[in-house]
Amino acid sequence: MFELSGFFGVLLLVLDIWAIISIVGSTASTGSKVLWVLLVVLLPLVGFLIWFVAGPRSANANV
């Protein structure tokens, strides 16, 4: 099985936390937020990549 450790593991953890904070702060419905958070938590690398491409952004991410 594929395993990330060391620096890349910590980096993935930080990116996943950033994604979860962004999801919770988004204007998406509660059900949608729950599904996105579950995806990121259960599949950290794949879930983050899918969220990065197609997920909801936080309400203040107008940059």
C-alpha atoms as a PDB file:
ATOM      1  CA  MET A   1       0.000   0.000   0.000  1.00  0.00           C
ATOM      2  CA  PHE A   2       1.121   3.542  -0.758  1.00  0.00           C
ATOM      3  CA  GLU A   3       2.238   5.422   2.355  1.00  0.00           C
ATOM      4  CA  LEU A   4       3.413   8.982   2.824  1.00  0.00           C
ATOM      5  CA  SER A   5       5.738   9.714   5.694  1.00  0.00           C
ATOM      6  CA  GLY A   6       8.103  12.387   6.885  1.00  0.00           C
ATOM      7  CA  PHE A   7       7.953  15.770   5.207  1.00  0.00           C
ATOM      8  CA  PHE A   8       5.414  14.738   2.568  1.00  0.00           C
ATOM      9  CA  GLY A   9       3.102  13.283   5.201  1.00  0.00           C
ATOM     10  CA  VAL A  10       3.154  16.523   7.187  1.00  0.00           C
ATOM     11  CA  LEU A  11       2.651  18.536   3.999  1.00  0.00           C
ATOM     12  CA  LEU A  12      -0.373  16.421   3.060  1.00  0.00           C
ATOM     13  CA  LEU A  13      -1.798  16.840   6.570  1.00  0.00           C
ATOM     14  CA  VAL A  14      -1.452  20.633   6.347  1.00  0.00           C
ATOM     15  CA  LEU A  15      -3.060  20.693   2.893  1.00  0.00           C
ATOM     16  CA  ASP A  16      -5.946  18.503   4.078  1.00  0.00           C
ATOM     17  CA  ILE A  17      -6.546  20.771   7.079  1.00  0.00           C
ATOM     18  CA  TRP A  18      -6.542  23.783   4.731  1.00  0.00           C
ATOM     19  CA  ALA A  19      -9.067  22.032   2.484  1.00  0.00           C
ATOM     20  CA  ILE A  20     -11.344  21.159   5.420  1.00  0.00           C
ATOM     21  CA  ILE A  21     -11.260  24.742   6.736  1.00  0.00           C
ATOM     22  CA  SER A  22     -12.062  26.020   3.261  1.00  0.00           C
ATOM     23  CA  ILE A  23     -14.919  23.530   2.857  1.00  0.00           C
ATOM     24  CA  VAL A  24     -16.462  24.437   6.231  1.00  0.00           C
ATOM     25  CA  GLY A  25     -16.210  28.153   5.395  1.00  0.00           C
ATOM     26  CA  SER A  26     -17.812  27.760   1.977  1.00  0.00           C
ATOM     27  CA  THR A  27     -21.358  28.681   1.025  1.00  0.00           C
ATOM     28  CA  ALA A  28     -22.182  25.094   0.038  1.00  0.00           C
ATOM     29  CA  SER A  29     -25.054  23.256   1.700  1.00  0.00           C
ATOM     30  CA  THR A  30     -24.431  21.379   4.931  1.00  0.00           C
ATOM     31  CA  GLY A  31     -24.847  17.993   3.257  1.00  0.00           C
ATOM     32  CA  SER A  32     -22.378  18.922   0.555  1.00  0.00           C
ATOM     33  CA  LYS A  33     -19.863  20.113   3.158  1.00  0.00           C
ATOM     34  CA  VAL A  34     -20.164  16.827   5.056  1.00  0.00           C
ATOM     35  CA  LEU A  35     -19.566  14.785   1.895  1.00  0.00           C
ATOM     36  CA  TRP A  36     -16.533  16.862   0.898  1.00  0.00           C
ATOM     37  CA  VAL A  37     -14.999  16.641   4.389  1.00  0.00           C
ATOM     38  CA  LEU A  38     -15.551  12.871   4.449  1.00  0.00           C
ATOM     39  CA  LEU A  39     -13.869  12.562   1.044  1.00  0.00           C
ATOM     40  CA  VAL A  40     -10.822  14.524   2.206  1.00  0.00           C
ATOM     41  CA  VAL A  41     -10.599  12.637   5.528  1.00  0.00           C
ATOM     42  CA  LEU A  42     -11.107   9.128   4.146  1.00  0.00           C
ATOM     43  CA  LEU A  43      -8.943   9.576   1.018  1.00  0.00           C
ATOM     44  CA  PRO A  44      -6.383  12.227   2.010  1.00  0.00           C
ATOM     45  CA  LEU A  45      -4.362  12.515  -1.201  1.00  0.00           C
ATOM     46  CA  VAL A  46      -7.054  11.720  -3.765  1.00  0.00           C
ATOM     47  CA  GLY A  47      -9.714  13.624  -1.796  1.00  0.00           C
ATOM     48  CA  PHE A  48      -7.516  16.720  -1.626  1.00  0.00           C
ATOM     49  CA  LEU A  49      -6.791  16.605  -5.349  1.00  0.00           C
ATOM     50  CA  ILE A  50     -10.478  16.220  -6.224  1.00  0.00           C
ATOM     51  CA  TRP A  51     -11.390  19.058  -3.840  1.00  0.00           C
ATOM     52  CA  PHE A  52      -8.641  21.258  -5.297  1.00  0.00           C
ATOM     53  CA  VAL A  53     -10.062  20.827  -8.807  1.00  0.00           C
ATOM     54  CA  ALA A  54     -13.810  20.723  -8.169  1.00  0.00           C
ATOM     55  CA  GLY A  55     -14.606  21.423  -4.515  1.00  0.00           C
ATOM     56  CA  PRO A  56     -16.301  24.369  -2.857  1.00  0.00           C
ATOM     57  CA  ARG A  57     -14.133  27.294  -1.850  1.00  0.00           C
ATOM     58  CA  SER A  58     -14.440  29.420   1.264  1.00  0.00           C
ATOM     59  CA  ALA A  59     -16.711  32.438   1.015  1.00  0.00           C
ATOM     60  CA  ASN A  60     -13.770  34.867   1.289  1.00  0.00           C
ATOM     61  CA  ALA A  61     -11.674  33.243  -1.473  1.00  0.00           C
ATOM     62  CA  ASN A  62     -12.307  35.931  -4.063  1.00  0.00           C
ATOM     63  CA  VAL A  63      -8.624  36.211  -4.939  1.00  0.00           C
END
